[in-house]
Amino acid sequence: AIARAAWRSGTRPEPCVIDALEENERDNALK
C-alpha cells in the first residue's frame, strides 16, 4: 500500500545503474 501510494503520488525510483564502460570511454576521450 505504501509503495502504491508513492507511485501514484509521482515518486519514482532513483536510477542506480552505473555504466562503467561509458565512464571509461569518456575518461579516455578527455585524456
All heavy atoms as atom14 arrays in JSON, in Angstrom:
{
  "sequence": "AIARAAWRSGTRPEPCVIDALEENERDNALK",
  "atom14_mask": [
    [1, 1, 1, 1, 1, 0, 0, 0, 0, 0, 0, 0, 0, 0],
    [1, 1, 1, 1, 1, 1, 1, 1, 0, 0, 0, 0, 0, 0],
    [1, 1, 1, 1, 1, 0, 0, 0, 0, 0, 0, 0, 0, 0],
    [1, 1, 1, 1, 1, 1, 1, 1, 1, 1, 1, 0, 0, 0],
    [1, 1, 1, 1, 1, 0, 0, 0, 0, 0, 0, 0, 0, 0],
    [1, 1, 1, 1, 1, 0, 0, 0, 0, 0, 0, 0, 0, 0],
    [1, 1, 1, 1, 1, 1, 1, 1, 1, 1, 1, 1, 1, 1],
    [1, 1, 1, 1, 1, 1, 1, 1, 1, 1, 1, 0, 0, 0],
    [1, 1, 1, 1, 1, 1, 0, 0, 0, 0, 0, 0, 0, 0],
    [1, 1, 1, 1, 0, 0, 0, 0, 0, 0, 0, 0, 0, 0],
    [1, 1, 1, 1, 1, 1, 1, 0, 0, 0, 0, 0, 0, 0],
    [1, 1, 1, 1, 1, 1, 1, 1, 1, 1, 1, 0, 0, 0],
    [1, 1, 1, 1, 1, 1, 1, 0, 0, 0, 0, 0, 0, 0],
    [1, 1, 1, 1, 1, 1, 1, 1, 1, 0, 0, 0, 0, 0],
    [1, 1, 1, 1, 1, 1, 1, 0, 0, 0, 0, 0, 0, 0],
    [1, 1, 1, 1, 1, 1, 0, 0, 0, 0, 0, 0, 0, 0],
    [1, 1, 1, 1, 1, 1, 1, 0, 0, 0, 0, 0, 0, 0],
    [1, 1, 1, 1, 1, 1, 1, 1, 0, 0, 0, 0, 0, 0],
    [1, 1, 1, 1, 1, 1, 1, 1, 0, 0, 0, 0, 0, 0],
    [1, 1, 1, 1, 1, 0, 0, 0, 0, 0, 0, 0, 0, 0],
    [1, 1, 1, 1, 1, 1, 1, 1, 0, 0, 0, 0, 0, 0],
    [1, 1, 1, 1, 1, 1, 1, 1, 1, 0, 0, 0, 0, 0],
    [1, 1, 1, 1, 1, 1, 1, 1, 1, 0, 0, 0, 0, 0],
    [1, 1, 1, 1, 1, 1, 1, 1, 0, 0, 0, 0, 0, 0],
    [1, 1, 1, 1, 1, 1, 1, 1, 1, 0, 0, 0, 0, 0],
    [1, 1, 1, 1, 1, 1, 1, 1, 1, 1, 1, 0, 0, 0],
    [1, 1, 1, 1, 1, 1, 1, 1, 0, 0, 0, 0, 0, 0],
    [1, 1, 1, 1, 1, 1, 1, 1, 0, 0, 0, 0, 0, 0],
    [1, 1, 1, 1, 1, 0, 0, 0, 0, 0, 0, 0, 0, 0],
    [1, 1, 1, 1, 1, 1, 1, 1, 0, 0, 0, 0, 0, 0],
    [1, 1, 1, 1, 1, 1, 1, 1, 1, 0, 0, 0, 0, 0]
  ],
  "atom14_positions": [
    [[0.83, -1.21, 0.0], [0.0, 0.0, 0.0], [0.86, 1.27, 0.0], [0.56, 2.24, -0.7], [-0.94, 0.0, 1.21], [0.0, 0.0, 0.0], [0.0, 0.0, 0.0], [0.0, 0.0, 0.0], [0.0, 0.0, 0.0], [0.0, 0.0, 0.0], [0.0, 0.0, 0.0], [0.0, 0.0, 0.0], [0.0, 0.0, 0.0], [0.0, 0.0, 0.0]],
    [[1.95, 1.26, 0.76], [2.83, 2.42, 0.8], [3.53, 2.62, -0.54], [3.62, 3.74, -1.06], [3.86, 2.29, 1.94], [3.15, 2.37, 3.29], [4.93, 3.36, 1.84], [4.03, 2.0, 4.47], [0.0, 0.0, 0.0], [0.0, 0.0, 0.0], [0.0, 0.0, 0.0], [0.0, 0.0, 0.0], [0.0, 0.0, 0.0], [0.0, 0.0, 0.0]],
    [[3.99, 1.53, -1.14], [4.66, 1.63, -2.45], [3.68, 2.09, -3.52], [4.02, 2.92, -4.37], [5.26, 0.29, -2.83], [0.0, 0.0, 0.0], [0.0, 0.0, 0.0], [0.0, 0.0, 0.0], [0.0, 0.0, 0.0], [0.0, 0.0, 0.0], [0.0, 0.0, 0.0], [0.0, 0.0, 0.0], [0.0, 0.0, 0.0], [0.0, 0.0, 0.0]],
    [[2.47, 1.61, -3.48], [1.46, 2.04, -4.46], [1.11, 3.51, -4.29], [0.98, 4.25, -5.27], [0.22, 1.17, -4.32], [-0.83, 1.45, -5.35], [-2.0, 0.5, -5.16], [-3.11, 0.89, -5.97], [-3.54, 0.22, -7.02], [-2.93, -0.89, -7.36], [-4.57, 0.64, -7.71], [0.0, 0.0, 0.0], [0.0, 0.0, 0.0], [0.0, 0.0, 0.0]],
    [[1.01, 3.95, -3.04], [0.72, 5.37, -2.8], [1.87, 6.25, -3.26], [1.65, 7.33, -3.83], [0.44, 5.59, -1.32], [0.0, 0.0, 0.0], [0.0, 0.0, 0.0], [0.0, 0.0, 0.0], [0.0, 0.0, 0.0], [0.0, 0.0, 0.0], [0.0, 0.0, 0.0], [0.0, 0.0, 0.0], [0.0, 0.0, 0.0], [0.0, 0.0, 0.0]],
    [[3.09, 5.8, -3.05], [4.25, 6.57, -3.51], [4.27, 6.65, -5.03], [4.56, 7.7, -5.62], [5.54, 5.94, -2.99], [0.0, 0.0, 0.0], [0.0, 0.0, 0.0], [0.0, 0.0, 0.0], [0.0, 0.0, 0.0], [0.0, 0.0, 0.0], [0.0, 0.0, 0.0], [0.0, 0.0, 0.0], [0.0, 0.0, 0.0], [0.0, 0.0, 0.0]],
    [[3.97, 5.55, -5.7], [3.97, 5.54, -7.16], [2.87, 6.44, -7.71], [3.08, 7.21, -8.64], [3.77, 4.1, -7.66], [3.84, 4.0, -9.14], [2.81, 4.01, -10.02], [5.02, 3.9, -9.94], [3.26, 3.9, -11.3], [4.63, 3.83, -11.28], [6.37, 3.85, -9.63], [5.53, 3.72, -12.32], [7.27, 3.73, -10.67], [6.86, 3.67, -11.98]],
    [[1.69, 6.37, -7.11], [0.58, 7.2, -7.59], [0.79, 8.68, -7.31], [0.24, 9.53, -8.0], [-0.73, 6.74, -6.95], [-1.24, 5.47, -7.55], [-2.61, 5.16, -7.05], [-3.19, 4.12, -7.87], [-4.46, 3.81, -7.85], [-5.29, 4.46, -7.05], [-4.92, 2.85, -8.6], [0.0, 0.0, 0.0], [0.0, 0.0, 0.0], [0.0, 0.0, 0.0]],
    [[1.59, 9.0, -6.29], [1.85, 10.4, -6.0], [2.94, 10.98, -6.89], [3.24, 12.16, -6.82], [2.24, 10.59, -4.53], [3.53, 10.04, -4.3], [0.0, 0.0, 0.0], [0.0, 0.0, 0.0], [0.0, 0.0, 0.0], [0.0, 0.0, 0.0], [0.0, 0.0, 0.0], [0.0, 0.0, 0.0], [0.0, 0.0, 0.0], [0.0, 0.0, 0.0]],
    [[3.53, 10.13, -7.73], [4.52, 10.6, -8.68], [5.96, 10.38, -8.25], [6.88, 10.81, -8.93], [0.0, 0.0, 0.0], [0.0, 0.0, 0.0], [0.0, 0.0, 0.0], [0.0, 0.0, 0.0], [0.0, 0.0, 0.0], [0.0, 0.0, 0.0], [0.0, 0.0, 0.0], [0.0, 0.0, 0.0], [0.0, 0.0, 0.0], [0.0, 0.0, 0.0]],
    [[6.17, 9.73, -7.14], [7.52, 9.44, -6.68], [8.05, 8.25, -7.45], [7.48, 7.17, -7.41], [7.53, 9.13, -5.18], [6.93, 10.2, -4.47], [8.94, 8.9, -4.68], [0.0, 0.0, 0.0], [0.0, 0.0, 0.0], [0.0, 0.0, 0.0], [0.0, 0.0, 0.0], [0.0, 0.0, 0.0], [0.0, 0.0, 0.0], [0.0, 0.0, 0.0]],
    [[9.13, 8.45, -8.17], [9.72, 7.38, -8.97], [11.06, 6.97, -8.36], [11.74, 7.77, -7.72], [9.94, 7.83, -10.41], [8.66, 8.24, -11.12], [7.75, 7.03, -11.32], [6.57, 7.36, -12.11], [5.35, 7.41, -11.6], [5.14, 7.2, -10.33], [4.33, 7.7, -12.37], [0.0, 0.0, 0.0], [0.0, 0.0, 0.0], [0.0, 0.0, 0.0]],
    [[11.46, 5.72, -8.58], [12.75, 5.28, -8.04], [13.9, 6.04, -8.69], [13.84, 6.39, -9.87], [12.82, 3.8, -8.41], [11.48, 3.41, -8.87], [10.75, 4.65, -9.24], [0.0, 0.0, 0.0], [0.0, 0.0, 0.0], [0.0, 0.0, 0.0], [0.0, 0.0, 0.0], [0.0, 0.0, 0.0], [0.0, 0.0, 0.0], [0.0, 0.0, 0.0]],
    [[14.94, 6.26, -7.91], [16.13, 6.91, -8.45], [16.9, 5.9, -9.29], [17.06, 4.75, -8.88], [17.02, 7.42, -7.32], [16.41, 8.55, -6.54], [17.34, 9.04, -5.45], [18.52, 8.67, -5.44], [16.87, 9.8, -4.61], [0.0, 0.0, 0.0], [0.0, 0.0, 0.0], [0.0, 0.0, 0.0], [0.0, 0.0, 0.0], [0.0, 0.0, 0.0]],
    [[17.38, 6.32, -10.46], [18.17, 5.37, -11.25], [19.5, 5.08, -10.56], [20.17, 5.99, -10.08], [18.39, 6.09, -12.58], [18.16, 7.53, -12.28], [17.22, 7.6, -11.12], [0.0, 0.0, 0.0], [0.0, 0.0, 0.0], [0.0, 0.0, 0.0], [0.0, 0.0, 0.0], [0.0, 0.0, 0.0], [0.0, 0.0, 0.0], [0.0, 0.0, 0.0]],
    [[19.85, 3.83, -10.5], [21.08, 3.47, -9.81], [22.0, 2.62, -10.69], [22.85, 1.9, -10.2], [20.77, 2.74, -8.51], [19.81, 1.25, -8.76], [0.0, 0.0, 0.0], [0.0, 0.0, 0.0], [0.0, 0.0, 0.0], [0.0, 0.0, 0.0], [0.0, 0.0, 0.0], [0.0, 0.0, 0.0], [0.0, 0.0, 0.0], [0.0, 0.0, 0.0]],
    [[21.81, 2.73, -12.01], [22.65, 1.97, -12.92], [23.9, 2.78, -13.22], [23.83, 3.95, -13.57], [21.89, 1.66, -14.22], [22.79, 0.95, -15.22], [20.66, 0.84, -13.92], [0.0, 0.0, 0.0], [0.0, 0.0, 0.0], [0.0, 0.0, 0.0], [0.0, 0.0, 0.0], [0.0, 0.0, 0.0], [0.0, 0.0, 0.0], [0.0, 0.0, 0.0]],
    [[25.05, 2.16, -13.08], [26.32, 2.82, -13.36], [26.94, 2.1, -14.55], [27.17, 0.9, -14.5], [27.27, 2.76, -12.15], [26.63, 3.51, -10.99], [28.62, 3.33, -12.51], [27.39, 3.35, -9.69], [0.0, 0.0, 0.0], [0.0, 0.0, 0.0], [0.0, 0.0, 0.0], [0.0, 0.0, 0.0], [0.0, 0.0, 0.0], [0.0, 0.0, 0.0]],
    [[27.16, 2.85, -15.61], [27.76, 2.27, -16.81], [29.26, 2.56, -16.78], [29.71, 3.64, -17.15], [27.11, 2.88, -18.05], [27.51, 2.16, -19.32], [28.29, 1.2, -19.23], [27.04, 2.55, -20.39], [0.0, 0.0, 0.0], [0.0, 0.0, 0.0], [0.0, 0.0, 0.0], [0.0, 0.0, 0.0], [0.0, 0.0, 0.0], [0.0, 0.0, 0.0]],
    [[30.02, 1.6, -16.31], [31.47, 1.79, -16.17], [32.15, 1.92, -17.52], [33.12, 2.66, -17.67], [32.08, 0.63, -15.39], [0.0, 0.0, 0.0], [0.0, 0.0, 0.0], [0.0, 0.0, 0.0], [0.0, 0.0, 0.0], [0.0, 0.0, 0.0], [0.0, 0.0, 0.0], [0.0, 0.0, 0.0], [0.0, 0.0, 0.0], [0.0, 0.0, 0.0]],
    [[31.64, 1.24, -18.54], [32.24, 1.31, -19.86], [32.11, 2.72, -20.43], [33.07, 3.28, -20.98], [31.6, 0.3, -20.81], [32.14, 0.27, -22.22], [33.61, -0.12, -22.2], [31.35, -0.7, -23.07], [0.0, 0.0, 0.0], [0.0, 0.0, 0.0], [0.0, 0.0, 0.0], [0.0, 0.0, 0.0], [0.0, 0.0, 0.0], [0.0, 0.0, 0.0]],
    [[30.94, 3.31, -20.27], [30.74, 4.68, -20.75], [31.65, 5.65, -20.01], [32.23, 6.55, -20.62], [29.28, 5.09, -20.57], [28.98, 6.49, -21.06], [27.53, 6.89, -20.82], [26.7, 5.99, -20.6], [27.25, 8.09, -20.83], [0.0, 0.0, 0.0], [0.0, 0.0, 0.0], [0.0, 0.0, 0.0], [0.0, 0.0, 0.0], [0.0, 0.0, 0.0]],
    [[31.81, 5.47, -18.71], [32.69, 6.34, -17.95], [34.14, 6.19, -18.41], [34.86, 7.18, -18.54], [32.58, 6.04, -16.46], [31.28, 6.5, -15.85], [31.19, 6.18, -14.37], [32.19, 5.7, -13.8], [30.13, 6.42, -13.8], [0.0, 0.0, 0.0], [0.0, 0.0, 0.0], [0.0, 0.0, 0.0], [0.0, 0.0, 0.0], [0.0, 0.0, 0.0]],
    [[34.58, 4.97, -18.67], [35.94, 4.75, -19.14], [36.16, 5.38, -20.52], [37.2, 5.98, -20.77], [36.27, 3.25, -19.2], [36.46, 2.65, -17.82], [36.75, 3.38, -16.87], [36.27, 1.36, -17.72], [0.0, 0.0, 0.0], [0.0, 0.0, 0.0], [0.0, 0.0, 0.0], [0.0, 0.0, 0.0], [0.0, 0.0, 0.0], [0.0, 0.0, 0.0]],
    [[35.18, 5.23, -21.41], [35.31, 5.82, -22.75], [35.36, 7.35, -22.65], [36.12, 8.0, -23.36], [34.16, 5.37, -23.63], [34.25, 3.93, -24.05], [33.04, 3.46, -24.83], [32.07, 4.23, -24.96], [33.06, 2.3, -25.28], [0.0, 0.0, 0.0], [0.0, 0.0, 0.0], [0.0, 0.0, 0.0], [0.0, 0.0, 0.0], [0.0, 0.0, 0.0]],
    [[34.54, 7.92, -21.77], [34.54, 9.37, -21.59], [35.88, 9.84, -21.03], [36.45, 10.84, -21.48], [33.4, 9.78, -20.65], [33.21, 11.26, -20.56], [32.01, 11.68, -19.7], [31.09, 10.6, -19.4], [30.75, 10.26, -18.16], [31.25, 10.89, -17.13], [29.89, 9.29, -17.96], [0.0, 0.0, 0.0], [0.0, 0.0, 0.0], [0.0, 0.0, 0.0]],
    [[36.41, 9.11, -20.05], [37.71, 9.47, -19.48], [38.82, 9.36, -20.52], [39.7, 10.22, -20.6], [38.03, 8.58, -18.28], [37.14, 8.88, -17.08], [36.52, 9.96, -17.06], [37.07, 8.02, -16.19], [0.0, 0.0, 0.0], [0.0, 0.0, 0.0], [0.0, 0.0, 0.0], [0.0, 0.0, 0.0], [0.0, 0.0, 0.0], [0.0, 0.0, 0.0]],
    [[38.78, 8.32, -21.32], [39.8, 8.15, -22.37], [39.7, 9.26, -23.41], [40.72, 9.75, -23.91], [39.67, 6.78, -23.03], [40.08, 5.66, -22.11], [40.83, 5.88, -21.16], [39.59, 4.46, -22.37], [0.0, 0.0, 0.0], [0.0, 0.0, 0.0], [0.0, 0.0, 0.0], [0.0, 0.0, 0.0], [0.0, 0.0, 0.0], [0.0, 0.0, 0.0]],
    [[38.47, 9.66, -23.75], [38.29, 10.74, -24.72], [38.84, 12.05, -24.16], [39.5, 12.82, -24.89], [36.82, 10.88, -25.09], [0.0, 0.0, 0.0], [0.0, 0.0, 0.0], [0.0, 0.0, 0.0], [0.0, 0.0, 0.0], [0.0, 0.0, 0.0], [0.0, 0.0, 0.0], [0.0, 0.0, 0.0], [0.0, 0.0, 0.0], [0.0, 0.0, 0.0]],
    [[38.59, 12.31, -22.88], [39.11, 13.53, -22.27], [40.64, 13.51, -22.2], [41.3, 14.53, -22.44], [38.53, 13.72, -20.87], [37.04, 14.08, -20.8], [36.57, 14.09, -19.36], [36.79, 15.42, -21.46], [0.0, 0.0, 0.0], [0.0, 0.0, 0.0], [0.0, 0.0, 0.0], [0.0, 0.0, 0.0], [0.0, 0.0, 0.0], [0.0, 0.0, 0.0]],
    [[41.2, 12.35, -21.9], [42.66, 12.23, -21.85], [43.28, 12.43, -23.23], [44.31, 13.07, -23.37], [43.06, 10.86, -21.29], [42.83, 10.72, -19.81], [43.2, 9.32, -19.34], [42.87, 9.13, -17.87], [43.14, 7.76, -17.43], [0.0, 0.0, 0.0], [0.0, 0.0, 0.0], [0.0, 0.0, 0.0], [0.0, 0.0, 0.0], [0.0, 0.0, 0.0]]
  ]
}
